[in-house]
Amino acid sequence: MSKNPLTMILKTNNLNDTIYNDWLKNLRIILDFENQGYILNEPPPSALPEDSSPEELLASKKWHEDNRKVHSIILASISNDIQKQYDRLDDVSFIMLCMRYVYAIPDRHIRYAATKRIL
């Protein structure tokens, strides 16, 4: 990741048990700026055959490099307790799937809370 002032967003908004949706929104801002947002949802490329084209090899290499960088960004922006749960997983899309299952607040709950405040 380049020296990006936007990374301060993640430093001040570390993921803990309660702010997953806000943390994810901020993470997407950072990764979109770095052109690495696709890593959150895209599974790892399948094993390439030996006769792969240079473009396929380059795309696979880029995915693995971006995955490693995003993995580091995610681990640096979550609390130590949560880090311990995910630091051994390498595939960012799988980490995000697990985190979404554990920490995400369904949108309907957010909309309900917002509507309740308005009324």
PDB file of N, CA and C in Angstrom:
ATOM      1  N   MET A   1       0.858  -1.167   0.000  1.00  0.00           N
ATOM      2  CA  MET A   1       0.000   0.000   0.000  1.00  0.00           C
ATOM      3  C   MET A   1       0.900   1.226   0.000  1.00  0.00           C
ATOM      4  N   SER A   2       0.576   2.180  -0.800  1.00  0.00           N
ATOM      5  CA  SER A   2       1.340   3.408  -0.833  1.00  0.00           C
ATOM      6  C   SER A   2       1.088   4.204   0.441  1.00  0.00           C
ATOM      7  N   LYS A   3       1.896   5.227   0.639  1.00  0.00           N
ATOM      8  CA  LYS A   3       1.699   6.086   1.809  1.00  0.00           C
ATOM      9  C   LYS A   3       0.478   6.946   1.538  1.00  0.00           C
ATOM     10  N   ASN A   4      -0.625   6.468   2.003  1.00  0.00           N
ATOM     11  CA  ASN A   4      -1.914   7.039   1.676  1.00  0.00           C
ATOM     12  C   ASN A   4      -2.524   7.650   2.931  1.00  0.00           C
ATOM     13  N   PRO A   5      -2.875   8.927   2.885  1.00  0.00           N
ATOM     14  CA  PRO A   5      -3.487   9.539   4.067  1.00  0.00           C
ATOM     15  C   PRO A   5      -4.826   8.909   4.437  1.00  0.00           C
ATOM     16  N   LEU A   6      -5.456   8.226   3.501  1.00  0.00           N
ATOM     17  CA  LEU A   6      -6.730   7.578   3.798  1.00  0.00           C
ATOM     18  C   LEU A   6      -6.580   6.426   4.781  1.00  0.00           C
ATOM     19  N   THR A   7      -5.369   5.872   4.903  1.00  0.00           N
ATOM     20  CA  THR A   7      -5.184   4.758   5.837  1.00  0.00           C
ATOM     21  C   THR A   7      -5.415   5.192   7.279  1.00  0.00           C
ATOM     22  N   MET A   8      -5.361   6.481   7.543  1.00  0.00           N
ATOM     23  CA  MET A   8      -5.662   6.976   8.892  1.00  0.00           C
ATOM     24  C   MET A   8      -7.108   6.653   9.270  1.00  0.00           C
ATOM     25  N   ILE A   9      -7.969   6.544   8.276  1.00  0.00           N
ATOM     26  CA  ILE A   9      -9.361   6.172   8.542  1.00  0.00           C
ATOM     27  C   ILE A   9      -9.411   4.830   9.246  1.00  0.00           C
ATOM     28  N   LEU A  10      -8.637   3.870   8.741  1.00  0.00           N
ATOM     29  CA  LEU A  10      -8.657   2.538   9.340  1.00  0.00           C
ATOM     30  C   LEU A  10      -7.954   2.512  10.687  1.00  0.00           C
ATOM     31  N   LYS A  11      -6.932   3.342  10.854  1.00  0.00           N
ATOM     32  CA  LYS A  11      -6.241   3.373  12.144  1.00  0.00           C
ATOM     33  C   LYS A  11      -7.153   3.906  13.242  1.00  0.00           C
ATOM     34  N   THR A  12      -7.985   4.865  12.894  1.00  0.00           N
ATOM     35  CA  THR A  12      -8.872   5.437  13.910  1.00  0.00           C
ATOM     36  C   THR A  12     -10.180   4.665  14.054  1.00  0.00           C
ATOM     37  N   ASN A  13     -10.466   3.788  13.103  1.00  0.00           N
ATOM     38  CA  ASN A  13     -11.705   3.007  13.143  1.00  0.00           C
ATOM     39  C   ASN A  13     -11.416   1.518  13.055  1.00  0.00           C
ATOM     40  N   ASN A  14     -10.597   1.022  13.974  1.00  0.00           N
ATOM     41  CA  ASN A  14     -10.299  -0.409  13.999  1.00  0.00           C
ATOM     42  C   ASN A  14     -11.569  -1.210  14.190  1.00  0.00           C
ATOM     43  N   LEU A  15     -11.590  -2.378  13.559  1.00  0.00           N
ATOM     44  CA  LEU A  15     -12.739  -3.259  13.731  1.00  0.00           C
ATOM     45  C   LEU A  15     -12.707  -3.864  15.119  1.00  0.00           C
ATOM     46  N   ASN A  16     -13.811  -3.724  15.807  1.00  0.00           N
ATOM     47  CA  ASN A  16     -14.024  -4.462  17.046  1.00  0.00           C
ATOM     48  C   ASN A  16     -15.340  -5.204  16.859  1.00  0.00           C
ATOM     49  N   ASP A  17     -15.921  -5.675  17.899  1.00  0.00           N
ATOM     50  CA  ASP A  17     -17.131  -6.485  17.759  1.00  0.00           C
ATOM     51  C   ASP A  17     -18.367  -5.700  17.330  1.00  0.00           C
ATOM     52  N   THR A  18     -18.306  -4.378  17.302  1.00  0.00           N
ATOM     53  CA  THR A  18     -19.539  -3.622  17.116  1.00  0.00           C
ATOM     54  C   THR A  18     -19.621  -2.774  15.855  1.00  0.00           C
ATOM     55  N   ILE A  19     -18.534  -2.502  15.172  1.00  0.00           N
ATOM     56  CA  ILE A  19     -18.601  -1.544  14.071  1.00  0.00           C
ATOM     57  C   ILE A  19     -18.227  -2.150  12.717  1.00  0.00           C
ATOM     58  N   TYR A  20     -18.580  -3.382  12.466  1.00  0.00           N
ATOM     59  CA  TYR A  20     -18.181  -4.058  11.228  1.00  0.00           C
ATOM     60  C   TYR A  20     -18.638  -3.294   9.985  1.00  0.00           C
ATOM     61  N   ASN A  21     -19.884  -2.898   9.927  1.00  0.00           N
ATOM     62  CA  ASN A  21     -20.401  -2.238   8.723  1.00  0.00           C
ATOM     63  C   ASN A  21     -19.646  -0.953   8.416  1.00  0.00           C
ATOM     64  N   ASP A  22     -19.352  -0.143   9.440  1.00  0.00           N
ATOM     65  CA  ASP A  22     -18.581   1.085   9.231  1.00  0.00           C
ATOM     66  C   ASP A  22     -17.150   0.762   8.817  1.00  0.00           C
ATOM     67  N   TRP A  23     -16.546  -0.221   9.473  1.00  0.00           N
ATOM     68  CA  TRP A  23     -15.178  -0.630   9.146  1.00  0.00           C
ATOM     69  C   TRP A  23     -15.096  -1.104   7.696  1.00  0.00           C
ATOM     70  N   LEU A  24     -16.068  -1.904   7.263  1.00  0.00           N
ATOM     71  CA  LEU A  24     -16.061  -2.420   5.897  1.00  0.00           C
ATOM     72  C   LEU A  24     -16.192  -1.286   4.883  1.00  0.00           C
ATOM     73  N   LYS A  25     -17.052  -0.325   5.177  1.00  0.00           N
ATOM     74  CA  LYS A  25     -17.211   0.826   4.284  1.00  0.00           C
ATOM     75  C   LYS A  25     -15.883   1.567   4.135  1.00  0.00           C
ATOM     76  N   ASN A  26     -15.187   1.793   5.251  1.00  0.00           N
ATOM     77  CA  ASN A  26     -13.901   2.479   5.205  1.00  0.00           C
ATOM     78  C   ASN A  26     -12.838   1.639   4.504  1.00  0.00           C
ATOM     79  N   LEU A  27     -12.844   0.333   4.735  1.00  0.00           N
ATOM     80  CA  LEU A  27     -11.893  -0.551   4.061  1.00  0.00           C
ATOM     81  C   LEU A  27     -12.088  -0.491   2.554  1.00  0.00           C
ATOM     82  N   ARG A  28     -13.339  -0.495   2.113  1.00  0.00           N
ATOM     83  CA  ARG A  28     -13.610  -0.422   0.671  1.00  0.00           C
ATOM     84  C   ARG A  28     -13.116   0.901   0.071  1.00  0.00           C
ATOM     85  N   ILE A  29     -13.237   1.987   0.807  1.00  0.00           N
ATOM     86  CA  ILE A  29     -12.732   3.282   0.328  1.00  0.00           C
ATOM     87  C   ILE A  29     -11.233   3.197   0.087  1.00  0.00           C
ATOM     88  N   ILE A  30     -10.507   2.658   1.060  1.00  0.00           N
ATOM     89  CA  ILE A  30      -9.050   2.545   0.950  1.00  0.00           C
ATOM     90  C   ILE A  30      -8.673   1.640  -0.213  1.00  0.00           C
ATOM     91  N   LEU A  31      -9.293   0.475  -0.285  1.00  0.00           N
ATOM     92  CA  LEU A  31      -8.918  -0.495  -1.315  1.00  0.00           C
ATOM     93  C   LEU A  31      -9.312  -0.028  -2.708  1.00  0.00           C
ATOM     94  N   ASP A  32     -10.429   0.667  -2.839  1.00  0.00           N
ATOM     95  CA  ASP A  32     -10.799   1.211  -4.143  1.00  0.00           C
ATOM     96  C   ASP A  32      -9.783   2.257  -4.589  1.00  0.00           C
ATOM     97  N   PHE A  33      -9.300   3.060  -3.663  1.00  0.00           N
ATOM     98  CA  PHE A  33      -8.274   4.047  -3.980  1.00  0.00           C
ATOM     99  C   PHE A  33      -6.999   3.362  -4.461  1.00  0.00           C
ATOM    100  N   GLU A  34      -6.673   2.222  -3.872  1.00  0.00           N
ATOM    101  CA  GLU A  34      -5.470   1.468  -4.228  1.00  0.00           C
ATOM    102  C   GLU A  34      -5.709   0.507  -5.400  1.00  0.00           C
ATOM    103  N   ASN A  35      -6.909   0.489  -5.966  1.00  0.00           N
ATOM    104  CA  ASN A  35      -7.290  -0.437  -7.042  1.00  0.00           C
ATOM    105  C   ASN A  35      -7.148  -1.898  -6.628  1.00  0.00           C
ATOM    106  N   GLN A  36      -7.512  -2.187  -5.380  1.00  0.00           N
ATOM    107  CA  GLN A  36      -7.421  -3.547  -4.863  1.00  0.00           C
ATOM    108  C   GLN A  36      -8.750  -4.023  -4.278  1.00  0.00           C
ATOM    109  N   GLY A  37      -9.805  -3.302  -4.502  1.00  0.00           N
ATOM    110  CA  GLY A  37     -11.098  -3.656  -3.935  1.00  0.00           C
ATOM    111  C   GLY A  37     -11.645  -4.982  -4.432  1.00  0.00           C
ATOM    112  N   TYR A  38     -11.230  -5.387  -5.620  1.00  0.00           N
ATOM    113  CA  TYR A  38     -11.722  -6.650  -6.174  1.00  0.00           C
ATOM    114  C   TYR A  38     -11.323  -7.848  -5.322  1.00  0.00           C
ATOM    115  N   ILE A  39     -10.277  -7.731  -4.550  1.00  0.00           N
ATOM    116  CA  ILE A  39      -9.765  -8.842  -3.739  1.00  0.00           C
ATOM    117  C   ILE A  39     -10.782  -9.260  -2.676  1.00  0.00           C
ATOM    118  N   LEU A  40     -11.607  -8.344  -2.200  1.00  0.00           N
ATOM    119  CA  LEU A  40     -12.555  -8.676  -1.138  1.00  0.00           C
ATOM    120  C   LEU A  40     -13.563  -9.740  -1.554  1.00  0.00           C
ATOM    121  N   ASN A  41     -13.901  -9.796  -2.823  1.00  0.00           N
ATOM    122  CA  ASN A  41     -14.950 -10.709  -3.274  1.00  0.00           C
ATOM    123  C   ASN A  41     -14.473 -11.768  -4.261  1.00  0.00           C
ATOM    124  N   GLU A  42     -13.307 -11.580  -4.830  1.00  0.00           N
ATOM    125  CA  GLU A  42     -12.844 -12.485  -5.876  1.00  0.00           C
ATOM    126  C   GLU A  42     -12.025 -13.627  -5.276  1.00  0.00           C
ATOM    127  N   PRO A  43     -12.445 -14.867  -5.500  1.00  0.00           N
ATOM    128  CA  PRO A  43     -11.681 -15.997  -4.956  1.00  0.00           C
ATOM    129  C   PRO A  43     -10.335 -16.128  -5.660  1.00  0.00           C
ATOM    130  N   PRO A  44      -9.422 -16.883  -5.073  1.00  0.00           N
ATOM    131  CA  PRO A  44      -8.107 -17.030  -5.703  1.00  0.00           C
ATOM    132  C   PRO A  44      -8.227 -17.684  -7.074  1.00  0.00           C
ATOM    133  N   PRO A  45      -7.327 -17.311  -7.975  1.00  0.00           N
ATOM    134  CA  PRO A  45      -7.365 -17.948  -9.292  1.00  0.00           C
ATOM    135  C   PRO A  45      -7.029 -19.430  -9.167  1.00  0.00           C
ATOM    136  N   SER A  46      -7.607 -20.212 -10.043  1.00  0.00           N
ATOM    137  CA  SER A  46      -7.309 -21.646 -10.015  1.00  0.00           C
ATOM    138  C   SER A  46      -5.871 -21.866 -10.481  1.00  0.00           C
ATOM    139  N   ALA A  47      -5.349 -23.024 -10.176  1.00  0.00           N
ATOM    140  CA  ALA A  47      -3.974 -23.346 -10.565  1.00  0.00           C
ATOM    141  C   ALA A  47      -3.840 -23.248 -12.084  1.00  0.00           C
ATOM    142  N   LEU A  48      -2.784 -22.588 -12.508  1.00  0.00           N
ATOM    143  CA  LEU A  48      -2.584 -22.382 -13.937  1.00  0.00           C
ATOM    144  C   LEU A  48      -1.849 -23.570 -14.549  1.00  0.00           C
ATOM    145  N   PRO A  49      -2.253 -23.973 -15.747  1.00  0.00           N
ATOM    146  CA  PRO A  49      -1.511 -25.034 -16.426  1.00  0.00           C
ATOM    147  C   PRO A  49      -0.142 -24.522 -16.867  1.00  0.00           C
ATOM    148  N   GLU A  50       0.745 -25.436 -17.170  1.00  0.00           N
ATOM    149  CA  GLU A  50       2.108 -25.054 -17.550  1.00  0.00           C
ATOM    150  C   GLU A  50       2.151 -24.232 -18.828  1.00  0.00           C
ATOM    151  N   ASP A  51       1.192 -24.416 -19.707  1.00  0.00           N
ATOM    152  CA  ASP A  51       1.200 -23.693 -20.979  1.00  0.00           C
ATOM    153  C   ASP A  51       0.397 -22.391 -20.915  1.00  0.00           C
ATOM    154  N   SER A  52       0.293 -21.799 -19.736  1.00  0.00           N
ATOM    155  CA  SER A  52      -0.456 -20.548 -19.566  1.00  0.00           C
ATOM    156  C   SER A  52       0.238 -19.411 -20.295  1.00  0.00           C
ATOM    157  N   SER A  53      -0.566 -18.491 -20.749  1.00  0.00           N
ATOM    158  CA  SER A  53      -0.026 -17.328 -21.453  1.00  0.00           C
ATOM    159  C   SER A  53       0.637 -16.386 -20.454  1.00  0.00           C
ATOM    160  N   PRO A  54       1.524 -15.528 -20.935  1.00  0.00           N
ATOM    161  CA  PRO A  54       2.151 -14.547 -20.037  1.00  0.00           C
ATOM    162  C   PRO A  54       1.125 -13.641 -19.348  1.00  0.00           C
ATOM    163  N   GLU A  55       0.026 -13.328 -20.039  1.00  0.00           N
ATOM    164  CA  GLU A  55      -1.014 -12.488 -19.445  1.00  0.00           C
ATOM    165  C   GLU A  55      -1.684 -13.192 -18.275  1.00  0.00           C
ATOM    166  N   GLU A  56      -1.934 -14.494 -18.431  1.00  0.00           N
ATOM    167  CA  GLU A  56      -2.547 -15.265 -17.345  1.00  0.00           C
ATOM    168  C   GLU A  56      -1.608 -15.356 -16.148  1.00  0.00           C
ATOM    169  N   LEU A  57      -0.329 -15.569 -16.427  1.00  0.00           N
ATOM    170  CA  LEU A  57       0.656 -15.635 -15.342  1.00  0.00           C
ATOM    171  C   LEU A  57       0.750 -14.300 -14.612  1.00  0.00           C
ATOM    172  N   LEU A  58       0.752 -13.220 -15.372  1.00  0.00           N
ATOM    173  CA  LEU A  58       0.828 -11.887 -14.782  1.00  0.00           C
ATOM    174  C   LEU A  58      -0.416 -11.582 -13.948  1.00  0.00           C
ATOM    175  N   ALA A  59      -1.590 -11.953 -14.450  1.00  0.00           N
ATOM    176  CA  ALA A  59      -2.836 -11.719 -13.710  1.00  0.00           C
ATOM    177  C   ALA A  59      -2.850 -12.515 -12.409  1.00  0.00           C
ATOM    178  N   SER A  60      -2.383 -13.743 -12.455  1.00  0.00           N
ATOM    179  CA  SER A  60      -2.333 -14.572 -11.246  1.00  0.00           C
ATOM    180  C   SER A  60      -1.348 -13.993 -10.236  1.00  0.00           C
ATOM    181  N   LYS A  61      -0.202 -13.560 -10.729  1.00  0.00           N
ATOM    182  CA  LYS A  61       0.810 -12.966  -9.841  1.00  0.00           C
ATOM    183  C   LYS A  61       0.261 -11.696  -9.195  1.00  0.00           C
ATOM    184  N   LYS A  62      -0.412 -10.860  -9.989  1.00  0.00           N
ATOM    185  CA  LYS A  62      -0.985  -9.619  -9.453  1.00  0.00           C
ATOM    186  C   LYS A  62      -2.028  -9.927  -8.387  1.00  0.00           C
ATOM    187  N   TRP A  63      -2.888 -10.931  -8.634  1.00  0.00           N
ATOM    188  CA  TRP A  63      -3.905 -11.278  -7.651  1.00  0.00           C
ATOM    189  C   TRP A  63      -3.245 -11.685  -6.340  1.00  0.00           C
ATOM    190  N   HIS A  64      -2.219 -12.527  -6.411  1.00  0.00           N
ATOM    191  CA  HIS A  64      -1.562 -13.001  -5.192  1.00  0.00           C
ATOM    192  C   HIS A  64      -0.862 -11.859  -4.449  1.00  0.00           C
ATOM    193  N   GLU A  65      -0.232 -10.947  -5.181  1.00  0.00           N
ATOM    194  CA  GLU A  65       0.402  -9.787  -4.543  1.00  0.00           C
ATOM    195  C   GLU A  65      -0.644  -8.891  -3.886  1.00  0.00           C
ATOM    196  N   ASP A  66      -1.723  -8.603  -4.597  1.00  0.00           N
ATOM    197  CA  ASP A  66      -2.784  -7.764  -4.034  1.00  0.00           C
ATOM    198  C   ASP A  66      -3.447  -8.441  -2.839  1.00  0.00           C
ATOM    199  N   ASN A  67      -3.639  -9.742  -2.914  1.00  0.00           N
ATOM    200  CA  ASN A  67      -4.231 -10.482  -1.798  1.00  0.00           C
ATOM    201  C   ASN A  67      -3.351 -10.363  -0.556  1.00  0.00           C
ATOM    202  N   ARG A  68      -2.039 -10.487  -0.733  1.00  0.00           N
ATOM    203  CA  ARG A  68      -1.114 -10.370   0.400  1.00  0.00           C
ATOM    204  C   ARG A  68      -1.176  -8.968   1.006  1.00  0.00           C
ATOM    205  N   LYS A  69      -1.215  -7.944   0.161  1.00  0.00           N
ATOM    206  CA  LYS A  69      -1.279  -6.566   0.657  1.00  0.00           C
ATOM    207  C   LYS A  69      -2.590  -6.300   1.402  1.00  0.00           C
ATOM    208  N   VAL A  70      -3.703  -6.732   0.815  1.00  0.00           N
ATOM    209  CA  VAL A  70      -5.007  -6.510   1.443  1.00  0.00           C
ATOM    210  C   VAL A  70      -5.102  -7.295   2.741  1.00  0.00           C
ATOM    211  N   HIS A  71      -4.550  -8.487   2.770  1.00  0.00           N
ATOM    212  CA  HIS A  71      -4.514  -9.298   3.992  1.00  0.00           C
ATOM    213  C   HIS A  71      -3.819  -8.517   5.104  1.00  0.00           C
ATOM    214  N   SER A  72      -2.693  -7.899   4.778  1.00  0.00           N
ATOM    215  CA  SER A  72      -1.955  -7.110   5.770  1.00  0.00           C
ATOM    216  C   SER A  72      -2.750  -5.897   6.226  1.00  0.00           C
ATOM    217  N   ILE A  73      -3.413  -5.226   5.296  1.00  0.00           N
ATOM    218  CA  ILE A  73      -4.229  -4.060   5.648  1.00  0.00           C
ATOM    219  C   ILE A  73      -5.350  -4.472   6.594  1.00  0.00           C
ATOM    220  N   ILE A  74      -6.003  -5.573   6.281  1.00  0.00           N
ATOM    221  CA  ILE A  74      -7.103  -6.049   7.127  1.00  0.00           C
ATOM    222  C   ILE A  74      -6.597  -6.375   8.521  1.00  0.00           C
ATOM    223  N   LEU A  75      -5.514  -7.139   8.613  1.00  0.00           N
ATOM    224  CA  LEU A  75      -5.000  -7.516   9.931  1.00  0.00           C
ATOM    225  C   LEU A  75      -4.556  -6.301  10.735  1.00  0.00           C
ATOM    226  N   ALA A  76      -4.009  -5.294  10.056  1.00  0.00           N
ATOM    227  CA  ALA A  76      -3.562  -4.093  10.759  1.00  0.00           C
ATOM    228  C   ALA A  76      -4.732  -3.242  11.241  1.00  0.00           C
ATOM    229  N   SER A  77      -5.912  -3.448  10.665  1.00  0.00           N
ATOM    230  CA  SER A  77      -7.041  -2.577  10.993  1.00  0.00           C
ATOM    231  C   SER A  77      -8.102  -3.253  11.853  1.00  0.00           C
ATOM    232  N   ILE A  78      -7.753  -4.368  12.474  1.00  0.00           N
ATOM    233  CA  ILE A  78      -8.707  -5.040  13.357  1.00  0.00           C
ATOM    234  C   ILE A  78      -8.087  -5.209  14.735  1.00  0.00           C
ATOM    235  N   SER A  79      -8.916  -5.401  15.719  1.00  0.00           N
ATOM    236  CA  SER A  79      -8.424  -5.550  17.091  1.00  0.00           C
ATOM    237  C   SER A  79      -7.614  -6.836  17.225  1.00  0.00           C
ATOM    238  N   ASN A  80      -6.761  -6.881  18.241  1.00  0.00           N
ATOM    239  CA  ASN A  80      -5.891  -8.039  18.448  1.00  0.00           C
ATOM    240  C   ASN A  80      -6.678  -9.327  18.633  1.00  0.00           C
ATOM    241  N   ASP A  81      -7.790  -9.258  19.335  1.00  0.00           N
ATOM    242  CA  ASP A  81      -8.603 -10.457  19.546  1.00  0.00           C
ATOM    243  C   ASP A  81      -9.116 -11.019  18.225  1.00  0.00           C
ATOM    244  N   ILE A  82      -9.546 -10.140  17.349  1.00  0.00           N
ATOM    245  CA  ILE A  82     -10.058 -10.592  16.058  1.00  0.00           C
ATOM    246  C   ILE A  82      -8.906 -11.049  15.162  1.00  0.00           C
ATOM    247  N   GLN A  83      -7.757 -10.383  15.263  1.00  0.00           N
ATOM    248  CA  GLN A  83      -6.580 -10.797  14.494  1.00  0.00           C
ATOM    249  C   GLN A  83      -6.248 -12.260  14.734  1.00  0.00           C
ATOM    250  N   LYS A  84      -6.301 -12.667  15.975  1.00  0.00           N
ATOM    251  CA  LYS A  84      -5.945 -14.046  16.325  1.00  0.00           C
ATOM    252  C   LYS A  84      -6.839 -15.062  15.624  1.00  0.00           C
ATOM    253  N   GLN A  85      -8.053 -14.678  15.314  1.00  0.00           N
ATOM    254  CA  GLN A  85      -8.980 -15.594  14.653  1.00  0.00           C
ATOM    255  C   GLN A  85      -8.686 -15.751  13.164  1.00  0.00           C
ATOM    256  N   TYR A  86      -8.100 -14.720  12.540  1.00  0.00           N
ATOM    257  CA  TYR A  86      -7.984 -14.705  11.084  1.00  0.00           C
ATOM    258  C   TYR A  86      -6.557 -14.620  10.552  1.00  0.00           C
ATOM    259  N   ASP A  87      -5.552 -14.520  11.407  1.00  0.00           N
ATOM    260  CA  ASP A  87      -4.200 -14.299  10.901  1.00  0.00           C
ATOM    261  C   ASP A  87      -3.615 -15.487  10.140  1.00  0.00           C
ATOM    262  N   ARG A  88      -4.132 -16.664  10.342  1.00  0.00           N
ATOM    263  CA  ARG A  88      -3.595 -17.840   9.640  1.00  0.00           C
ATOM    264  C   ARG A  88      -4.303 -18.124   8.320  1.00  0.00           C
ATOM    265  N   LEU A  89      -5.372 -17.424   8.057  1.00  0.00           N
ATOM    266  CA  LEU A  89      -6.077 -17.592   6.785  1.00  0.00           C
ATOM    267  C   LEU A  89      -5.420 -16.700   5.742  1.00  0.00           C
ATOM    268  N   ASP A  90      -5.217 -17.224   4.540  1.00  0.00           N
ATOM    269  CA  ASP A  90      -4.536 -16.460   3.498  1.00  0.00           C
ATOM    270  C   ASP A  90      -5.477 -15.815   2.484  1.00  0.00           C
ATOM    271  N   ASP A  91      -6.593 -16.441   2.209  1.00  0.00           N
ATOM    272  CA  ASP A  91      -7.514 -15.970   1.182  1.00  0.00           C
ATOM    273  C   ASP A  91      -8.422 -14.881   1.755  1.00  0.00           C
ATOM    274  N   VAL A  92      -8.231 -13.655   1.288  1.00  0.00           N
ATOM    275  CA  VAL A  92      -8.988 -12.516   1.804  1.00  0.00           C
ATOM    276  C   VAL A  92     -10.487 -12.678   1.565  1.00  0.00           C
ATOM    277  N   SER A  93     -10.879 -13.206   0.423  1.00  0.00           N
ATOM    278  CA  SER A  93     -12.319 -13.353   0.171  1.00  0.00           C
ATOM    279  C   SER A  93     -12.953 -14.313   1.181  1.00  0.00           C
ATOM    280  N   PHE A  94     -12.225 -15.339   1.610  1.00  0.00           N
ATOM    281  CA  PHE A  94     -12.744 -16.259   2.622  1.00  0.00           C
ATOM    282  C   PHE A  94     -12.786 -15.578   3.993  1.00  0.00           C
ATOM    283  N   ILE A  95     -11.763 -14.788   4.306  1.00  0.00           N
ATOM    284  CA  ILE A  95     -11.755 -14.032   5.567  1.00  0.00           C
ATOM    285  C   ILE A  95     -12.975 -13.115   5.623  1.00  0.00           C
ATOM    286  N   MET A  96     -13.235 -12.415   4.526  1.00  0.00           N
ATOM    287  CA  MET A  96     -14.364 -11.488   4.497  1.00  0.00           C
ATOM    288  C   MET A  96     -15.691 -12.227   4.629  1.00  0.00           C
ATOM    289  N   LEU A  97     -15.796 -13.387   4.028  1.00  0.00           N
ATOM    290  CA  LEU A  97     -17.009 -14.185   4.159  1.00  0.00           C
ATOM    291  C   LEU A  97     -17.232 -14.579   5.617  1.00  0.00           C
ATOM    292  N   CYS A  98     -16.177 -15.027   6.278  1.00  0.00           N
ATOM    293  CA  CYS A  98     -16.279 -15.413   7.694  1.00  0.00           C
ATOM    294  C   CYS A  98     -16.628 -14.214   8.566  1.00  0.00           C
ATOM    295  N   MET A  99     -15.966 -13.083   8.322  1.00  0.00           N
ATOM    296  CA  MET A  99     -16.217 -11.888   9.127  1.00  0.00           C
ATOM    297  C   MET A  99     -17.636 -11.375   8.913  1.00  0.00           C
ATOM    298  N   ARG A 100     -18.108 -11.432   7.691  1.00  0.00           N
ATOM    299  CA  ARG A 100     -19.476 -10.989   7.401  1.00  0.00           C
ATOM    300  C   ARG A 100     -20.472 -11.846   8.176  1.00  0.00           C
ATOM    301  N   TYR A 101     -20.223 -13.136   8.219  1.00  0.00           N
ATOM    302  CA  TYR A 101     -21.115 -14.054   8.927  1.00  0.00           C
ATOM    303  C   TYR A 101     -21.132 -13.766  10.426  1.00  0.00           C
ATOM    304  N   VAL A 102     -19.964 -13.435  10.994  1.00  0.00           N
ATOM    305  CA  VAL A 102     -19.849 -13.246  12.441  1.00  0.00           C
ATOM    306  C   VAL A 102     -20.235 -11.837  12.882  1.00  0.00           C
ATOM    307  N   TYR A 103     -19.792 -10.812  12.148  1.00  0.00           N
ATOM    308  CA  TYR A 103     -19.886  -9.437  12.647  1.00  0.00           C
ATOM    309  C   TYR A 103     -20.901  -8.537  11.945  1.00  0.00           C
ATOM    310  N   ALA A 104     -21.341  -8.879  10.761  1.00  0.00           N
ATOM    311  CA  ALA A 104     -22.196  -7.958  10.001  1.00  0.00           C
ATOM    312  C   ALA A 104     -23.563  -7.799  10.649  1.00  0.00           C
ATOM    313  N   ILE A 105     -24.042  -6.589  10.597  1.00  0.00           N
ATOM    314  CA  ILE A 105     -25.400  -6.287  11.049  1.00  0.00           C
ATOM    315  C   ILE A 105     -26.253  -6.208   9.790  1.00  0.00           C
ATOM    316  N   PRO A 106     -27.302  -7.007   9.702  1.00  0.00           N
ATOM    317  CA  PRO A 106     -28.140  -6.954   8.496  1.00  0.00           C
ATOM    318  C   PRO A 106     -28.669  -5.542   8.257  1.00  0.00           C
ATOM    319  N   ASP A 107     -28.734  -5.157   6.999  1.00  0.00           N
ATOM    320  CA  ASP A 107     -29.194  -3.814   6.629  1.00  0.00           C
ATOM    321  C   ASP A 107     -30.566  -3.491   7.185  1.00  0.00           C
ATOM    322  N   ARG A 108     -31.436  -4.461   7.268  1.00  0.00           N
ATOM    323  CA  ARG A 108     -32.781  -4.165   7.762  1.00  0.00           C
ATOM    324  C   ARG A 108     -32.746  -3.675   9.205  1.00  0.00           C
ATOM    325  N   HIS A 109     -31.788  -4.177  10.001  1.00  0.00           N
ATOM    326  CA  HIS A 109     -31.666  -3.704  11.382  1.00  0.00           C
ATOM    327  C   HIS A 109     -31.178  -2.254  11.419  1.00  0.00           C
ATOM    328  N   ILE A 110     -30.274  -1.924  10.522  1.00  0.00           N
ATOM    329  CA  ILE A 110     -29.772  -0.550  10.443  1.00  0.00           C
ATOM    330  C   ILE A 110     -30.894   0.385  10.007  1.00  0.00           C
ATOM    331  N   ARG A 111     -31.636  -0.013   8.982  1.00  0.00           N
ATOM    332  CA  ARG A 111     -32.751   0.821   8.511  1.00  0.00           C
ATOM    333  C   ARG A 111     -33.807   0.992   9.595  1.00  0.00           C
ATOM    334  N   TYR A 112     -34.097  -0.069  10.326  1.00  0.00           N
ATOM    335  CA  TYR A 112     -35.089   0.001  11.398  1.00  0.00           C
ATOM    336  C   TYR A 112     -34.632   0.978  12.481  1.00  0.00           C
ATOM    337  N   ALA A 113     -33.356   0.881  12.882  1.00  0.00           N
ATOM    338  CA  ALA A 113     -32.836   1.776  13.919  1.00  0.00           C
ATOM    339  C   ALA A 113     -32.871   3.225  13.447  1.00  0.00           C
ATOM    340  N   ALA A 114     -32.525   3.466  12.180  1.00  0.00           N
ATOM    341  CA  ALA A 114     -32.552   4.829  11.647  1.00  0.00           C
ATOM    342  C   ALA A 114     -33.977   5.362  11.591  1.00  0.00           C
ATOM    343  N   THR A 115     -34.907   4.543  11.155  1.00  0.00           N
ATOM    344  CA  THR A 115     -36.309   4.952  11.091  1.00  0.00           C
ATOM    345  C   THR A 115     -36.853   5.233  12.479  1.00  0.00           C
ATOM    346  N   LYS A 116     -36.488   4.419  13.432  1.00  0.00           N
ATOM    347  CA  LYS A 116     -36.952   4.603  14.803  1.00  0.00           C
ATOM    348  C   LYS A 116     -36.454   5.934  15.374  1.00  0.00           C
ATOM    349  N   ARG A 117     -35.213   6.308  15.038  1.00  0.00           N
ATOM    350  CA  ARG A 117     -34.675   7.595  15.511  1.00  0.00           C
ATOM    351  C   ARG A 117     -35.432   8.766  14.900  1.00  0.00           C
ATOM    352  N   ILE A 118     -35.792   8.633  13.626  1.00  0.00           N
ATOM    353  CA  ILE A 118     -36.492   9.714  12.934  1.00  0.00           C
ATOM    354  C   ILE A 118     -37.881   9.918  13.519  1.00  0.00           C
ATOM    355  N   LEU A 119     -38.562   8.819  13.797  1.00  0.00           N
ATOM    356  CA  LEU A 119     -39.927   8.907  14.310  1.00  0.00           C
ATOM    357  C   LEU A 119     -39.858   9.219  15.765  1.00  0.00           C
TER     358      LEU A 119
END
